[in-house]
Amino acid sequence: MSKTWWTGLLLLLLFIVPAGASATQLRLSWTDNSSNESGFRILRKTAGPGPLQLLTTVGPNITSYTDTRVIPGVIYCYRVRAFNAEGRSASSNRVCSQAQ
């Protein structure tokens, strides 16, 4: 497996509150610069000190995820990493947004 796919993930964060719904959501999207990933690991933490923890894993070629487990008024920070059998990529940039 070539490791050339470990080049820059770009993470963009948008928050969305669906019309007519009471559930708060934060939608993440990123650019897939990988060519042989097995999937992406999405890491999350609330603002402040402490490490990011694994939130979920999505499959290859997926470029977005909607976090429905957020609390209004809380700031959440995210990073994304590609992975395969040989290891993982460097993390994307960290982005933070407040749940509405």
N, C-alpha and C. Protein backbone atom coordinates (compact mmCIF):
# COMPACT_ATOMS: atom_id res chain seq x y z
N MET A 1 0.82 -1.17 0.00
CA MET A 1 0.00 0.00 0.00
C MET A 1 0.87 1.25 0.00
N SER A 2 0.58 2.14 -0.85
CA SER A 2 1.33 3.40 -0.91
C SER A 2 0.89 4.33 0.21
N LYS A 3 1.85 5.03 0.79
CA LYS A 3 1.50 5.98 1.83
C LYS A 3 1.34 7.40 1.28
N THR A 4 1.34 7.55 -0.02
CA THR A 4 1.18 8.87 -0.61
C THR A 4 -0.20 9.46 -0.33
N TRP A 5 -1.13 8.66 0.07
CA TRP A 5 -2.48 9.14 0.35
C TRP A 5 -2.59 9.89 1.66
N TRP A 6 -1.54 9.95 2.44
CA TRP A 6 -1.60 10.63 3.73
C TRP A 6 -1.51 12.15 3.58
N THR A 7 -1.78 12.67 2.44
CA THR A 7 -1.68 14.12 2.24
C THR A 7 -2.97 14.79 2.65
N GLY A 8 -2.84 15.99 3.17
CA GLY A 8 -3.83 16.89 3.75
C GLY A 8 -5.30 16.61 3.63
N LEU A 9 -5.92 16.39 4.74
CA LEU A 9 -7.37 16.40 4.81
C LEU A 9 -7.80 17.83 5.12
N LEU A 10 -8.83 18.27 4.49
CA LEU A 10 -9.37 19.59 4.77
C LEU A 10 -10.72 19.38 5.43
N LEU A 11 -10.90 19.92 6.61
CA LEU A 11 -12.14 19.74 7.35
C LEU A 11 -12.88 21.06 7.40
N LEU A 12 -14.12 21.04 6.98
CA LEU A 12 -14.98 22.21 7.05
C LEU A 12 -16.13 21.87 7.97
N LEU A 13 -16.53 22.80 8.80
CA LEU A 13 -17.61 22.55 9.74
C LEU A 13 -18.74 23.54 9.51
N LEU A 14 -19.93 23.02 9.39
CA LEU A 14 -21.12 23.85 9.26
C LEU A 14 -22.11 23.37 10.30
N PHE A 15 -22.84 24.29 10.90
CA PHE A 15 -23.89 23.83 11.80
C PHE A 15 -25.22 23.97 11.09
N ILE A 16 -26.10 23.05 11.39
CA ILE A 16 -27.43 23.10 10.79
C ILE A 16 -28.47 22.81 11.86
N VAL A 17 -29.56 23.48 11.76
CA VAL A 17 -30.71 23.20 12.60
C VAL A 17 -31.87 22.98 11.65
N PRO A 18 -32.28 21.74 11.46
CA PRO A 18 -33.32 21.46 10.48
C PRO A 18 -34.63 22.18 10.82
N ALA A 19 -35.26 22.72 9.80
CA ALA A 19 -36.55 23.40 9.98
C ALA A 19 -37.57 22.41 10.53
N GLY A 20 -38.29 22.82 11.53
CA GLY A 20 -39.34 21.99 12.08
C GLY A 20 -38.86 20.87 12.96
N ALA A 21 -37.57 20.83 13.25
CA ALA A 21 -37.04 19.75 14.10
C ALA A 21 -36.48 20.35 15.37
N SER A 22 -36.54 19.61 16.44
CA SER A 22 -36.01 20.10 17.71
C SER A 22 -34.59 19.62 17.95
N ALA A 23 -34.14 18.67 17.16
CA ALA A 23 -32.80 18.11 17.35
C ALA A 23 -31.74 19.08 16.82
N THR A 24 -30.73 19.30 17.60
CA THR A 24 -29.60 20.11 17.18
C THR A 24 -28.59 19.21 16.50
N GLN A 25 -27.98 19.72 15.44
CA GLN A 25 -27.02 18.94 14.68
C GLN A 25 -25.85 19.81 14.27
N LEU A 26 -24.68 19.21 14.17
CA LEU A 26 -23.52 19.85 13.58
C LEU A 26 -23.08 18.98 12.41
N ARG A 27 -22.95 19.58 11.26
CA ARG A 27 -22.57 18.82 10.05
C ARG A 27 -21.12 19.12 9.70
N LEU A 28 -20.34 18.06 9.57
CA LEU A 28 -18.94 18.16 9.17
C LEU A 28 -18.82 17.71 7.72
N SER A 29 -17.93 18.36 6.98
CA SER A 29 -17.58 17.85 5.65
C SER A 29 -16.11 18.10 5.42
N TRP A 30 -15.49 17.22 4.65
CA TRP A 30 -14.06 17.32 4.40
C TRP A 30 -13.76 16.88 2.99
N THR A 31 -12.57 17.21 2.54
CA THR A 31 -12.10 16.80 1.23
C THR A 31 -11.32 15.50 1.38
N ASP A 32 -11.67 14.51 0.59
CA ASP A 32 -10.99 13.22 0.62
C ASP A 32 -9.82 13.27 -0.35
N ASN A 33 -8.61 13.49 0.19
CA ASN A 33 -7.40 13.50 -0.63
C ASN A 33 -6.71 12.13 -0.60
N SER A 34 -7.36 11.15 -0.06
CA SER A 34 -6.81 9.81 0.05
C SER A 34 -7.17 9.00 -1.18
N SER A 35 -6.34 8.01 -1.50
CA SER A 35 -6.66 7.15 -2.63
C SER A 35 -6.87 5.70 -2.22
N ASN A 36 -6.53 5.36 -0.98
CA ASN A 36 -6.69 3.97 -0.57
C ASN A 36 -7.08 3.82 0.90
N GLU A 37 -7.90 4.74 1.38
CA GLU A 37 -8.32 4.66 2.77
C GLU A 37 -9.34 3.55 2.97
N SER A 38 -9.36 3.01 4.18
CA SER A 38 -10.41 2.07 4.57
C SER A 38 -11.59 2.82 5.15
N GLY A 39 -11.35 4.04 5.57
CA GLY A 39 -12.39 4.87 6.15
C GLY A 39 -11.80 6.09 6.82
N PHE A 40 -12.64 6.79 7.57
CA PHE A 40 -12.23 7.99 8.30
C PHE A 40 -12.69 7.88 9.75
N ARG A 41 -11.83 8.28 10.65
CA ARG A 41 -12.18 8.36 12.07
C ARG A 41 -12.46 9.81 12.40
N ILE A 42 -13.59 10.04 13.03
CA ILE A 42 -13.99 11.39 13.42
C ILE A 42 -13.79 11.51 14.92
N LEU A 43 -12.99 12.49 15.32
CA LEU A 43 -12.67 12.73 16.72
C LEU A 43 -13.39 13.98 17.18
N ARG A 44 -13.81 14.01 18.44
CA ARG A 44 -14.57 15.14 18.97
C ARG A 44 -14.22 15.39 20.43
N LYS A 45 -14.33 16.64 20.84
CA LYS A 45 -14.25 17.03 22.24
C LYS A 45 -15.01 18.32 22.42
N THR A 46 -15.35 18.64 23.65
CA THR A 46 -15.92 19.95 23.92
C THR A 46 -14.76 20.92 24.09
N ALA A 47 -15.04 22.21 23.95
CA ALA A 47 -14.00 23.23 24.06
C ALA A 47 -13.34 23.16 25.43
N GLY A 48 -12.08 23.54 25.49
CA GLY A 48 -11.33 23.50 26.75
C GLY A 48 -10.26 22.44 26.69
N PRO A 49 -9.57 22.24 27.81
CA PRO A 49 -8.48 21.27 27.81
C PRO A 49 -8.98 19.83 27.68
N GLY A 50 -8.07 18.98 27.27
CA GLY A 50 -8.39 17.56 27.16
C GLY A 50 -8.28 17.08 25.74
N PRO A 51 -8.07 15.78 25.58
CA PRO A 51 -7.88 15.20 24.25
C PRO A 51 -9.19 14.99 23.50
N LEU A 52 -9.09 14.91 22.20
CA LEU A 52 -10.23 14.52 21.39
C LEU A 52 -10.41 13.02 21.54
N GLN A 53 -11.65 12.58 21.51
CA GLN A 53 -11.99 11.17 21.64
C GLN A 53 -12.68 10.71 20.35
N LEU A 54 -12.55 9.43 20.05
CA LEU A 54 -13.21 8.87 18.87
C LEU A 54 -14.72 9.02 19.01
N LEU A 55 -15.34 9.69 18.04
CA LEU A 55 -16.79 9.84 18.02
C LEU A 55 -17.41 8.72 17.18
N THR A 56 -16.87 8.53 15.99
CA THR A 56 -17.40 7.51 15.09
C THR A 56 -16.42 7.24 13.96
N THR A 57 -16.69 6.22 13.20
CA THR A 57 -15.91 5.88 12.02
C THR A 57 -16.87 5.78 10.84
N VAL A 58 -16.45 6.32 9.70
CA VAL A 58 -17.25 6.20 8.47
C VAL A 58 -16.41 5.51 7.41
N GLY A 59 -17.05 5.01 6.40
CA GLY A 59 -16.39 4.22 5.37
C GLY A 59 -15.58 5.04 4.38
N PRO A 60 -14.93 4.36 3.45
CA PRO A 60 -14.12 5.02 2.44
C PRO A 60 -14.98 5.90 1.53
N ASN A 61 -14.36 6.97 1.06
CA ASN A 61 -14.99 7.92 0.12
C ASN A 61 -16.17 8.68 0.70
N ILE A 62 -16.41 8.56 2.00
CA ILE A 62 -17.42 9.38 2.67
C ILE A 62 -16.78 10.73 2.96
N THR A 63 -17.48 11.82 2.73
CA THR A 63 -16.89 13.14 2.94
C THR A 63 -17.74 14.05 3.83
N SER A 64 -18.69 13.46 4.55
CA SER A 64 -19.47 14.27 5.49
C SER A 64 -20.04 13.38 6.60
N TYR A 65 -20.39 14.03 7.68
CA TYR A 65 -20.99 13.34 8.82
C TYR A 65 -21.82 14.36 9.58
N THR A 66 -22.99 13.96 10.03
CA THR A 66 -23.84 14.83 10.85
C THR A 66 -23.84 14.30 12.27
N ASP A 67 -23.34 15.14 13.18
CA ASP A 67 -23.30 14.79 14.60
C ASP A 67 -24.62 15.20 15.22
N THR A 68 -25.43 14.23 15.57
CA THR A 68 -26.75 14.50 16.16
C THR A 68 -26.73 14.41 17.68
N ARG A 69 -25.54 14.12 18.23
CA ARG A 69 -25.43 13.97 19.68
C ARG A 69 -24.75 15.21 20.28
N VAL A 70 -25.36 16.36 20.08
CA VAL A 70 -24.81 17.61 20.60
C VAL A 70 -25.83 18.28 21.50
N ILE A 71 -25.35 19.14 22.38
CA ILE A 71 -26.19 19.86 23.33
C ILE A 71 -26.15 21.34 22.98
N PRO A 72 -27.31 22.00 22.85
CA PRO A 72 -27.32 23.42 22.52
C PRO A 72 -26.47 24.23 23.50
N GLY A 73 -25.72 25.19 22.96
CA GLY A 73 -24.89 26.07 23.77
C GLY A 73 -23.49 25.55 24.04
N VAL A 74 -23.23 24.30 23.73
CA VAL A 74 -21.92 23.69 23.97
C VAL A 74 -21.06 23.82 22.70
N ILE A 75 -19.79 24.16 22.87
CA ILE A 75 -18.85 24.24 21.75
C ILE A 75 -18.19 22.88 21.58
N TYR A 76 -18.21 22.36 20.35
CA TYR A 76 -17.60 21.09 20.02
C TYR A 76 -16.46 21.32 19.02
N CYS A 77 -15.38 20.57 19.20
CA CYS A 77 -14.23 20.64 18.30
C CYS A 77 -14.03 19.26 17.67
N TYR A 78 -13.64 19.26 16.39
CA TYR A 78 -13.52 18.01 15.62
C TYR A 78 -12.21 17.97 14.84
N ARG A 79 -11.75 16.76 14.58
CA ARG A 79 -10.67 16.45 13.64
C ARG A 79 -11.07 15.16 12.93
N VAL A 80 -10.52 14.96 11.73
CA VAL A 80 -10.79 13.75 10.95
C VAL A 80 -9.46 13.14 10.54
N ARG A 81 -9.37 11.81 10.56
CA ARG A 81 -8.17 11.08 10.11
C ARG A 81 -8.59 9.96 9.18
N ALA A 82 -7.86 9.81 8.08
CA ALA A 82 -8.04 8.64 7.22
C ALA A 82 -7.27 7.48 7.85
N PHE A 83 -7.71 6.26 7.57
CA PHE A 83 -6.98 5.10 8.06
C PHE A 83 -7.10 3.95 7.07
N ASN A 84 -6.13 3.03 7.16
CA ASN A 84 -6.19 1.76 6.44
C ASN A 84 -5.39 0.75 7.24
N ALA A 85 -5.14 -0.42 6.69
CA ALA A 85 -4.45 -1.49 7.41
C ALA A 85 -3.02 -1.11 7.80
N GLU A 86 -2.42 -0.16 7.11
CA GLU A 86 -1.05 0.24 7.42
C GLU A 86 -0.94 1.32 8.49
N GLY A 87 -2.04 1.93 8.83
CA GLY A 87 -1.98 2.99 9.85
C GLY A 87 -3.00 4.07 9.59
N ARG A 88 -2.63 5.29 10.03
CA ARG A 88 -3.56 6.40 9.91
C ARG A 88 -2.84 7.62 9.37
N SER A 89 -3.62 8.54 8.85
CA SER A 89 -3.07 9.79 8.34
C SER A 89 -2.85 10.74 9.51
N ALA A 90 -2.20 11.84 9.21
CA ALA A 90 -2.16 12.93 10.17
C ALA A 90 -3.58 13.46 10.31
N SER A 91 -3.86 14.12 11.41
CA SER A 91 -5.20 14.67 11.61
C SER A 91 -5.43 15.87 10.71
N SER A 92 -6.69 16.10 10.39
CA SER A 92 -7.08 17.32 9.70
C SER A 92 -6.87 18.50 10.64
N ASN A 93 -7.10 19.68 10.12
CA ASN A 93 -7.15 20.85 11.00
C ASN A 93 -8.28 20.67 11.99
N ARG A 94 -8.17 21.31 13.14
CA ARG A 94 -9.24 21.25 14.15
C ARG A 94 -10.19 22.39 13.90
N VAL A 95 -11.49 22.08 13.92
CA VAL A 95 -12.52 23.11 13.79
C VAL A 95 -13.48 22.98 14.96
N CYS A 96 -13.99 24.12 15.39
CA CYS A 96 -14.92 24.16 16.50
C CYS A 96 -16.15 24.96 16.13
N SER A 97 -17.29 24.59 16.68
CA SER A 97 -18.54 25.32 16.47
C SER A 97 -19.44 25.09 17.67
N GLN A 98 -20.27 26.09 17.92
CA GLN A 98 -21.23 25.98 19.03
C GLN A 98 -22.53 25.43 18.51
N ALA A 99 -23.05 24.43 19.19
CA ALA A 99 -24.34 23.87 18.83
C ALA A 99 -25.43 24.90 19.14
N GLN A 100 -26.39 25.02 18.25
CA GLN A 100 -27.46 26.03 18.39
C GLN A 100 -28.72 25.39 18.93
